[in-house]
Amino acid sequence: MQRIIDDSKYNLVFPSTRLIGDMVRDTTRGMYLRNTDEFEIVDYQGYFKAVGVMSGLTGRGFNIGIIDDPVKDRLEASSETYRNRVCDWFNSVFFTRRENDDAAIVLIQTRWHQDDLAGRLLAEKSDVPWEVVSIPAIQDSEPSAFDLRKSGEALWPQLFPIKALREIERQVGAYEFSALYQQRPTPKGGQMFNVSRFKIVDFIPGAIKKSVRYWDKAGSAGSGCYTAGVLMHECEGGVFCVADVVRGRWEATERERIIKQTADMDGRRVRVWVEQEPGSGGKESAEATIRNLSGYSVNADRVTGDKEVRAEPYAAQVGGGNVYILNDREAAREWHRAFLDEHETFPTGKYKDQVDASAGAFNKLAGHRKITPHVGSIVRPEEMQRTMTEPDVADIFAQATPEQRKELEKVLREELVSV
């Protein structure tokens, strides 16, 4: 803000608004203050002070208080604890610093979640209602005083035309697009996965590039949870196919026998990942499975963060119609209904094991080339550089001769893939 006010273009528009020149209190011009987080306007009363959300405001009041983006990403938005802390800070710190009852409050934010600060304030009964200004990326209602566009028109077509916005929607998924681009967050229960977008096919949709069997293991046979192992293929054309799901409640010895039997049936070309839960128990369980699958390509996945956050890239591809389910009639598959039901109710449903395993498999197959769309900006240069992990390179080079490997390395470098 100080750089903007000091700029000559700003001075052309507001010639009487200026700051003192040095980042100190100027005693020669009436004690005007300027430092890294606070400044006063020369020849005027009042001041500007900036603090971070959940920081203190002791000793200061305001006539106009502005909160800008109290939630910075999906991880914070998905945390009920963090949302509660933001609301507590608003009520106990920010709101109490109004200098009078006529003080104005402006909240500017991306609507990540229905239960974010804006959602809670709008849900409260108040004698002074909030005035809401919401300008979606794609107009989906009648023109208003704030937005004169007709329904279906893009906000800034020269930067993001309708075609580009629809491609972003396909990439991030309807749930994320509705929140970040349309400012209309929806509850996740039954809506994170649009199960109607799964495509059930009789044949694998194209040549298989890579395959992963990902296991989400239940803690014990009597815990009520399931152990689930999802086999997923990455195919030509940027699509993914769920080819098989093994799921059940087994005690430890039987579970490891079934995991080994499944690996034998999948074959050694299928890479195996097993989710490693936090703590020593999770580590020991993962290590037991790795020992059990000696001779196979198997790794432990030390997961962090919320299940919902880990499932979002996978949910986006389901919403884009890029995930297929194999309907192998000869094998008389009976797992489809439970698989779809769990996706339909995730994350509020009772069981999450199949979604967790599917998301884990997808992230291992596709994670090396994920590009995160940005609201109102182009893709960052560093995201144009795709990176292959050591397991990816091993999959590609497994059967190549030294001469072939040299040629493959040349091709990968030309495709902006670091090896």
Protein backbone atom coordinates (compact mmCIF):
# COMPACT_ATOMS: atom_id res chain seq x y z
CA MET A 1 0.00 0.00 0.00
CA GLN A 2 2.82 2.39 0.81
CA ARG A 3 4.48 1.70 -2.56
CA ILE A 4 1.17 2.41 -4.32
CA ILE A 5 0.65 5.71 -2.46
CA ASP A 6 4.24 6.76 -3.21
CA ASP A 7 3.80 6.03 -6.92
CA SER A 8 3.57 9.02 -9.29
CA LYS A 9 0.42 7.63 -10.93
CA TYR A 10 -1.36 7.55 -7.57
CA ASN A 11 -0.28 11.15 -6.98
CA LEU A 12 -1.95 12.22 -10.24
CA VAL A 13 -5.30 10.89 -8.99
CA PHE A 14 -4.92 11.86 -5.31
CA PRO A 15 -2.45 14.78 -5.24
CA SER A 16 -3.17 15.72 -1.60
CA THR A 17 -2.59 12.21 -0.21
CA ARG A 18 1.02 11.55 0.69
CA LEU A 19 3.23 9.92 3.30
CA ILE A 20 6.38 11.17 4.97
CA GLY A 21 9.50 10.10 3.13
CA ASP A 22 11.27 7.98 5.74
CA MET A 23 10.14 4.90 7.64
CA VAL A 24 10.26 6.79 10.95
CA ARG A 25 8.12 9.20 12.97
CA ASP A 26 8.72 12.66 11.46
CA THR A 27 8.94 15.18 14.31
CA THR A 28 9.34 18.14 11.95
CA ARG A 29 5.91 17.77 10.29
CA GLY A 30 3.60 17.14 13.19
CA MET A 31 4.73 13.69 14.37
CA TYR A 32 3.57 11.68 11.35
CA LEU A 33 4.22 7.96 11.66
CA ARG A 34 5.43 5.52 9.04
CA ASN A 35 6.79 2.03 9.65
CA THR A 36 6.38 -1.48 8.24
CA ASP A 37 2.79 -2.01 9.39
CA GLU A 38 1.41 1.44 10.19
CA PHE A 39 1.30 4.89 8.61
CA GLU A 40 -0.45 8.26 8.83
CA ILE A 41 -1.37 10.69 6.02
CA VAL A 42 0.49 14.01 6.04
CA ASP A 43 -1.79 16.96 6.96
CA TYR A 44 -4.70 14.65 7.80
CA GLN A 45 -5.98 12.83 10.86
CA GLY A 46 -6.46 9.11 11.07
CA TYR A 47 -4.09 6.22 10.40
CA PHE A 48 -3.76 2.85 8.69
CA LYS A 49 -2.61 -0.21 10.61
CA ALA A 50 -2.18 -3.77 9.25
CA VAL A 51 -2.02 -6.95 11.32
CA GLY A 52 -2.38 -10.61 10.48
CA VAL A 53 -5.59 -12.51 11.16
CA MET A 54 -5.59 -13.72 14.78
CA SER A 55 -3.01 -11.07 15.73
CA GLY A 56 -3.62 -8.53 18.48
CA LEU A 57 -5.07 -5.00 18.12
CA THR A 58 -4.58 -3.79 21.66
CA GLY A 59 -4.75 -0.01 22.05
CA ARG A 60 -6.14 0.67 18.60
CA GLY A 61 -9.70 1.21 17.36
CA PHE A 62 -11.15 1.71 13.89
CA ASN A 63 -13.85 3.55 11.95
CA ILE A 64 -13.37 1.26 8.96
CA GLY A 65 -12.12 -2.28 9.53
CA ILE A 66 -11.21 -4.46 6.54
CA ILE A 67 -10.55 -8.20 6.72
CA ASP A 68 -8.93 -9.62 3.59
CA ASP A 69 -8.89 -13.41 3.01
CA PRO A 70 -8.91 -14.83 6.56
CA VAL A 71 -8.51 -18.31 5.03
CA LYS A 72 -5.59 -18.84 2.67
CA ASP A 73 -6.14 -22.37 1.33
CA ARG A 74 -8.27 -25.52 1.31
CA LEU A 75 -6.32 -27.08 4.18
CA GLU A 76 -7.27 -24.26 6.55
CA ALA A 77 -10.85 -24.11 5.23
CA SER A 78 -11.35 -27.84 5.84
CA SER A 79 -10.23 -27.53 9.46
CA GLU A 80 -13.13 -26.87 11.83
CA THR A 81 -10.59 -25.95 14.51
CA TYR A 82 -9.08 -23.24 12.31
CA ARG A 83 -12.51 -21.89 11.29
CA ASN A 84 -13.48 -21.67 14.97
CA ARG A 85 -10.28 -19.78 15.79
CA VAL A 86 -10.92 -17.22 13.02
CA CYS A 87 -14.48 -16.63 14.24
CA ASP A 88 -13.34 -16.36 17.86
CA TRP A 89 -10.72 -13.78 16.81
CA PHE A 90 -13.36 -11.79 14.89
CA ASN A 91 -15.72 -11.68 17.88
CA SER A 92 -13.25 -11.16 20.72
CA VAL A 93 -10.53 -9.03 19.07
CA PHE A 94 -11.56 -7.42 15.79
CA PHE A 95 -15.23 -6.61 16.44
CA THR A 96 -14.51 -5.14 19.88
CA ARG A 97 -12.06 -2.59 18.39
CA ARG A 98 -14.81 -0.52 16.70
CA GLU A 99 -14.52 3.11 17.83
CA ASN A 100 -18.31 3.60 17.66
CA ASP A 101 -21.49 1.80 16.65
CA ASP A 102 -21.37 3.35 13.16
CA ALA A 103 -17.97 1.87 12.35
CA ALA A 104 -17.97 -0.06 9.08
CA ILE A 105 -16.67 -3.60 8.57
CA VAL A 106 -15.69 -4.90 5.14
CA LEU A 107 -14.95 -8.62 4.66
CA ILE A 108 -13.26 -9.63 1.40
CA GLN A 109 -12.68 -13.33 0.93
CA THR A 110 -12.74 -16.39 -1.29
CA ARG A 111 -15.64 -18.60 -0.23
CA TRP A 112 -13.77 -21.83 0.47
CA HIS A 113 -16.37 -23.35 2.78
CA GLN A 114 -20.03 -22.88 3.77
CA ASP A 115 -18.97 -22.58 7.42
CA ASP A 116 -16.26 -19.96 6.86
CA LEU A 117 -16.32 -16.51 8.50
CA ALA A 118 -18.65 -15.04 5.86
CA GLY A 119 -20.98 -18.02 6.15
CA ARG A 120 -21.24 -17.68 9.92
CA LEU A 121 -21.80 -13.92 9.81
CA LEU A 122 -24.55 -14.28 7.22
CA ALA A 123 -26.20 -17.03 9.26
CA GLU A 124 -26.38 -14.85 12.39
CA LYS A 125 -29.53 -12.86 13.08
CA SER A 126 -28.64 -9.16 13.08
CA ASP A 127 -30.57 -5.88 13.11
CA VAL A 128 -28.04 -4.55 10.58
CA PRO A 129 -27.88 -6.98 7.64
CA TRP A 130 -24.71 -7.45 5.64
CA GLU A 131 -24.63 -6.12 2.10
CA VAL A 132 -23.25 -8.93 -0.09
CA VAL A 133 -21.37 -8.22 -3.32
CA SER A 134 -20.66 -11.49 -5.13
CA ILE A 135 -19.29 -11.45 -8.68
CA PRO A 136 -18.89 -15.02 -10.02
CA ALA A 137 -16.49 -15.99 -12.80
CA ILE A 138 -19.49 -17.10 -14.88
CA GLN A 139 -22.73 -15.17 -14.42
CA ASP A 140 -25.41 -17.64 -13.35
CA SER A 141 -28.24 -15.30 -12.32
CA GLU A 142 -30.05 -12.21 -13.51
CA PRO A 143 -28.16 -8.88 -13.89
CA SER A 144 -27.86 -6.79 -10.72
CA ALA A 145 -26.69 -3.34 -9.73
CA PHE A 146 -23.24 -4.83 -9.04
CA ASP A 147 -23.08 -7.11 -12.08
CA LEU A 148 -24.71 -6.17 -15.38
CA ARG A 149 -23.71 -9.34 -17.24
CA LYS A 150 -26.26 -11.67 -18.75
CA SER A 151 -26.43 -15.28 -17.59
CA GLY A 152 -23.58 -17.37 -18.99
CA GLU A 153 -21.16 -14.49 -19.60
CA ALA A 154 -17.57 -14.62 -18.33
CA LEU A 155 -16.30 -12.02 -15.87
CA TRP A 156 -13.20 -11.10 -17.90
CA PRO A 157 -13.44 -12.84 -21.28
CA GLN A 158 -10.21 -11.33 -22.59
CA LEU A 159 -8.28 -13.06 -19.79
CA PHE A 160 -10.46 -16.13 -19.13
CA PRO A 161 -13.11 -16.76 -21.82
CA ILE A 162 -15.96 -19.20 -21.18
CA LYS A 163 -14.05 -22.06 -22.83
CA ALA A 164 -11.07 -21.54 -20.50
CA LEU A 165 -13.32 -21.34 -17.42
CA ARG A 166 -15.06 -24.59 -18.38
CA GLU A 167 -11.67 -26.25 -18.77
CA ILE A 168 -10.71 -25.02 -15.29
CA GLU A 169 -14.01 -26.43 -13.97
CA ARG A 170 -13.20 -29.79 -15.56
CA GLN A 171 -9.71 -29.76 -14.03
CA VAL A 172 -10.59 -28.73 -10.46
CA GLY A 173 -14.05 -30.32 -10.29
CA ALA A 174 -17.53 -28.88 -9.83
CA TYR A 175 -17.21 -28.71 -6.03
CA GLU A 176 -14.00 -26.65 -6.06
CA PHE A 177 -15.12 -24.48 -8.99
CA SER A 178 -18.42 -23.63 -7.31
CA ALA A 179 -16.55 -22.40 -4.23
CA LEU A 180 -13.47 -20.66 -5.64
CA TYR A 181 -14.79 -19.29 -8.93
CA GLN A 182 -18.52 -18.90 -8.33
CA GLN A 183 -18.26 -17.96 -4.61
CA ARG A 184 -20.99 -20.46 -3.80
CA PRO A 185 -19.55 -23.23 -1.57
CA THR A 186 -21.65 -26.36 -1.19
CA PRO A 187 -21.62 -29.02 1.53
CA LYS A 188 -19.36 -31.92 0.68
CA GLY A 189 -21.61 -34.69 1.90
CA GLY A 190 -22.87 -36.43 -1.22
CA GLN A 191 -21.48 -33.71 -3.48
CA MET A 192 -17.70 -34.01 -3.42
CA PHE A 193 -17.95 -36.84 -5.96
CA ASN A 194 -20.41 -36.62 -8.82
CA VAL A 195 -20.84 -40.39 -9.18
CA SER A 196 -22.85 -39.96 -12.37
CA ARG A 197 -19.58 -38.91 -14.02
CA PHE A 198 -17.95 -42.30 -13.48
CA LYS A 199 -17.91 -44.23 -16.75
CA ILE A 200 -18.51 -47.97 -16.43
CA VAL A 201 -16.90 -49.79 -19.36
CA ASP A 202 -16.44 -53.39 -20.48
CA PHE A 203 -12.84 -52.84 -21.59
CA ILE A 204 -9.90 -50.83 -20.28
CA PRO A 205 -10.08 -47.48 -22.15
CA GLY A 206 -6.74 -47.49 -23.97
CA ALA A 207 -3.21 -48.75 -23.51
CA ILE A 208 -2.06 -48.94 -19.89
CA LYS A 209 0.83 -46.62 -19.03
CA LYS A 210 1.17 -47.42 -15.31
CA SER A 211 -0.68 -49.40 -12.66
CA VAL A 212 -0.93 -49.06 -8.88
CA ARG A 213 -2.62 -51.18 -6.20
CA TYR A 214 -3.08 -48.98 -3.13
CA TRP A 215 -4.01 -50.46 0.26
CA ASP A 216 -5.82 -48.63 3.05
CA LYS A 217 -5.57 -51.02 6.00
CA ALA A 218 -8.01 -51.15 8.90
CA GLY A 219 -6.50 -51.03 12.37
CA SER A 220 -7.96 -54.38 13.47
CA ALA A 221 -10.59 -56.95 12.54
CA GLY A 222 -12.99 -55.75 15.23
CA SER A 223 -12.66 -52.01 14.59
CA GLY A 224 -15.67 -51.88 12.27
CA CYS A 225 -13.54 -50.46 9.47
CA TYR A 226 -12.60 -52.18 6.24
CA THR A 227 -9.28 -52.89 4.61
CA ALA A 228 -9.45 -51.89 0.94
CA GLY A 229 -7.05 -52.35 -1.94
CA VAL A 230 -7.81 -50.45 -5.16
CA LEU A 231 -6.17 -51.36 -8.48
CA MET A 232 -6.04 -48.33 -10.79
CA HIS A 233 -4.51 -47.92 -14.24
CA GLU A 234 -3.34 -44.74 -15.91
CA CYS A 235 -4.20 -45.09 -19.59
CA GLU A 236 -3.37 -43.27 -22.80
CA GLY A 237 -5.38 -40.10 -23.31
CA GLY A 238 -5.12 -38.85 -19.73
CA VAL A 239 -7.80 -41.15 -18.30
CA PHE A 240 -7.78 -43.51 -15.32
CA CYS A 241 -9.48 -46.85 -14.79
CA VAL A 242 -10.47 -48.49 -11.50
CA ALA A 243 -10.02 -52.14 -12.47
CA ASP A 244 -10.54 -53.97 -9.18
CA VAL A 245 -11.33 -53.45 -5.50
CA VAL A 246 -10.54 -55.98 -2.77
CA ARG A 247 -12.27 -55.14 0.50
CA GLY A 248 -13.04 -56.89 3.77
CA ARG A 249 -12.68 -57.12 7.53
CA TRP A 250 -9.83 -59.47 8.39
CA GLU A 251 -7.53 -60.04 11.32
CA ALA A 252 -3.86 -59.22 10.69
CA THR A 253 -2.62 -62.63 9.51
CA GLU A 254 -5.53 -63.19 7.12
CA ARG A 255 -5.24 -59.64 5.83
CA GLU A 256 -1.57 -60.06 4.95
CA ARG A 257 -2.35 -63.39 3.23
CA ILE A 258 -4.99 -61.71 1.06
CA ILE A 259 -2.69 -58.78 0.24
CA LYS A 260 -0.01 -61.27 -0.88
CA GLN A 261 -2.54 -63.30 -2.88
CA THR A 262 -3.80 -60.14 -4.58
CA ALA A 263 -0.24 -59.11 -5.51
CA ASP A 264 0.32 -62.55 -7.05
CA MET A 265 -2.83 -62.11 -9.17
CA ASP A 266 -1.96 -58.53 -10.19
CA GLY A 267 1.56 -59.46 -11.28
CA ARG A 268 4.90 -57.78 -10.75
CA ARG A 269 4.23 -54.93 -13.19
CA VAL A 270 1.75 -53.43 -10.72
CA ARG A 271 3.39 -51.17 -8.15
CA VAL A 272 2.00 -51.62 -4.61
CA TRP A 273 1.56 -48.81 -2.09
CA VAL A 274 0.37 -49.24 1.47
CA GLU A 275 -0.86 -46.32 3.57
CA GLN A 276 1.25 -45.81 6.68
CA GLU A 277 -0.75 -44.33 9.53
CA PRO A 278 1.02 -41.95 11.96
CA GLY A 279 2.78 -43.41 14.99
CA SER A 280 4.87 -46.48 15.65
CA GLY A 281 1.92 -48.85 15.16
CA GLY A 282 1.30 -47.55 11.66
CA LYS A 283 4.97 -47.84 10.77
CA GLU A 284 5.20 -51.44 12.04
CA SER A 285 2.05 -52.42 10.12
CA ALA A 286 3.38 -50.95 6.87
CA GLU A 287 6.77 -52.62 7.36
CA ALA A 288 5.04 -55.98 7.91
CA THR A 289 3.25 -55.66 4.56
CA ILE A 290 6.48 -54.68 2.78
CA ARG A 291 8.24 -57.77 4.19
CA ASN A 292 5.26 -59.90 3.17
CA LEU A 293 5.57 -58.66 -0.43
CA SER A 294 9.28 -59.36 -0.81
CA GLY A 295 10.15 -59.44 -4.51
CA TYR A 296 7.43 -56.96 -5.49
CA SER A 297 7.71 -53.23 -6.04
CA VAL A 298 6.12 -52.00 -2.80
CA ASN A 299 6.37 -48.75 -0.83
CA ALA A 300 4.85 -47.23 2.30
CA ASP A 301 2.96 -43.96 1.88
CA ARG A 302 3.37 -41.76 4.96
CA VAL A 303 0.16 -39.76 4.67
CA THR A 304 -0.42 -36.33 6.18
CA GLY A 305 -3.35 -33.94 6.22
CA ASP A 306 -7.09 -34.45 5.92
CA LYS A 307 -8.61 -37.28 3.85
CA GLU A 308 -10.83 -34.76 2.06
CA VAL A 309 -7.86 -32.66 0.96
CA ARG A 310 -6.01 -35.74 -0.32
CA ALA A 311 -9.10 -36.79 -2.29
CA GLU A 312 -9.64 -33.47 -4.09
CA PRO A 313 -7.38 -34.08 -7.16
CA TYR A 314 -9.07 -37.46 -7.66
CA ALA A 315 -12.56 -35.95 -7.20
CA ALA A 316 -11.76 -33.31 -9.81
CA GLN A 317 -10.93 -35.98 -12.39
CA VAL A 318 -14.09 -37.93 -11.54
CA GLY A 319 -16.08 -34.73 -12.08
CA GLY A 320 -14.32 -34.22 -15.40
CA GLY A 321 -15.41 -37.66 -16.63
CA ASN A 322 -11.83 -38.95 -16.74
CA VAL A 323 -12.22 -41.92 -14.35
CA TYR A 324 -13.59 -45.24 -15.62
CA ILE A 325 -14.75 -48.33 -13.73
CA LEU A 326 -14.07 -51.71 -15.32
CA ASN A 327 -17.17 -53.89 -15.60
CA ASP A 328 -15.55 -57.28 -16.07
CA ARG A 329 -18.60 -59.53 -16.46
CA GLU A 330 -16.51 -62.69 -16.72
CA ALA A 331 -15.12 -62.11 -13.25
CA ALA A 332 -18.60 -61.34 -11.88
CA ARG A 333 -17.47 -58.21 -10.04
CA GLU A 334 -19.74 -57.38 -7.12
CA TRP A 335 -17.93 -54.40 -5.66
CA HIS A 336 -19.41 -51.66 -7.86
CA ARG A 337 -22.41 -50.74 -5.70
CA ALA A 338 -20.47 -50.41 -2.43
CA PHE A 339 -17.76 -48.48 -4.28
CA LEU A 340 -20.21 -45.97 -5.76
CA ASP A 341 -22.24 -45.66 -2.54
CA GLU A 342 -19.15 -44.75 -0.55
CA HIS A 343 -18.13 -42.11 -3.09
CA GLU A 344 -21.65 -40.67 -3.12
CA THR A 345 -21.67 -40.07 0.66
CA PHE A 346 -17.99 -39.12 1.13
CA PRO A 347 -16.84 -37.60 3.47
CA THR A 348 -19.92 -37.68 5.72
CA GLY A 349 -20.64 -41.37 5.16
CA LYS A 350 -19.74 -44.11 7.61
CA TYR A 351 -16.95 -45.63 5.50
CA LYS A 352 -14.09 -43.92 3.67
CA ASP A 353 -11.64 -46.77 2.98
CA GLN A 354 -12.37 -47.23 -0.75
CA VAL A 355 -12.24 -43.49 -1.45
CA ASP A 356 -9.01 -43.17 0.53
CA ALA A 357 -7.41 -46.06 -1.37
CA SER A 358 -8.66 -44.71 -4.72
CA ALA A 359 -7.33 -41.23 -3.98
CA GLY A 360 -4.01 -42.73 -2.90
CA ALA A 361 -3.72 -44.73 -6.12
CA PHE A 362 -4.66 -41.72 -8.24
CA ASN A 363 -2.17 -39.43 -6.51
CA LYS A 364 0.64 -41.96 -7.04
CA LEU A 365 -0.22 -42.26 -10.73
CA ALA A 366 -0.86 -38.61 -11.53
CA GLY A 367 0.82 -36.59 -8.79
CA HIS A 368 4.04 -35.99 -10.74
CA ARG A 369 2.34 -33.77 -13.30
CA LYS A 370 -0.37 -32.03 -11.30
CA ILE A 371 -0.90 -28.34 -12.19
CA THR A 372 -2.87 -26.25 -9.72
CA PRO A 373 -5.20 -23.70 -11.36
CA HIS A 374 -4.99 -20.18 -9.94
CA VAL A 375 -7.78 -17.69 -9.44
CA GLY A 376 -7.09 -14.65 -11.59
CA SER A 377 -3.53 -15.52 -12.60
CA ILE A 378 -1.61 -17.58 -15.10
CA VAL A 379 0.15 -20.83 -14.19
CA ARG A 380 3.38 -20.17 -12.33
CA PRO A 381 6.55 -20.96 -14.35
CA GLU A 382 7.75 -23.53 -11.83
CA GLU A 383 4.54 -25.50 -12.35
CA MET A 384 5.29 -25.84 -16.06
CA GLN A 385 8.20 -28.05 -15.08
CA ARG A 386 7.01 -31.59 -14.54
CA THR A 387 9.01 -33.78 -12.20
CA MET A 388 9.31 -37.55 -12.16
CA THR A 389 9.96 -39.36 -8.92
CA GLU A 390 12.34 -42.29 -8.61
CA PRO A 391 9.51 -44.90 -8.82
CA ASP A 392 8.26 -43.25 -12.05
CA VAL A 393 11.68 -43.53 -13.66
CA ALA A 394 11.99 -47.14 -12.51
CA ASP A 395 8.66 -48.01 -14.14
CA ILE A 396 9.69 -46.53 -17.50
CA PHE A 397 13.27 -47.78 -17.55
CA ALA A 398 12.61 -51.23 -16.09
CA GLN A 399 13.00 -53.14 -19.36
CA ALA A 400 15.10 -50.67 -21.37
CA THR A 401 18.62 -51.34 -22.64
CA PRO A 402 21.37 -48.80 -21.87
CA GLU A 403 21.01 -47.37 -25.40
CA GLN A 404 17.24 -47.11 -25.00
CA ARG A 405 17.61 -45.42 -21.61
CA LYS A 406 19.87 -42.76 -23.13
CA GLU A 407 17.30 -42.07 -25.84
CA LEU A 408 14.46 -41.98 -23.29
CA GLU A 409 16.35 -39.48 -21.15
CA LYS A 410 16.74 -37.23 -24.20
CA VAL A 411 13.01 -37.40 -24.96
CA LEU A 412 12.03 -36.70 -21.34
CA ARG A 413 14.28 -33.64 -21.19
CA GLU A 414 12.66 -32.32 -24.37
CA GLU A 415 9.25 -32.80 -22.73
CA LEU A 416 10.32 -30.73 -19.68
CA VAL A 417 10.45 -33.76 -17.41
CA SER A 418 13.36 -33.77 -14.95
CA VAL A 419 14.99 -37.14 -14.37
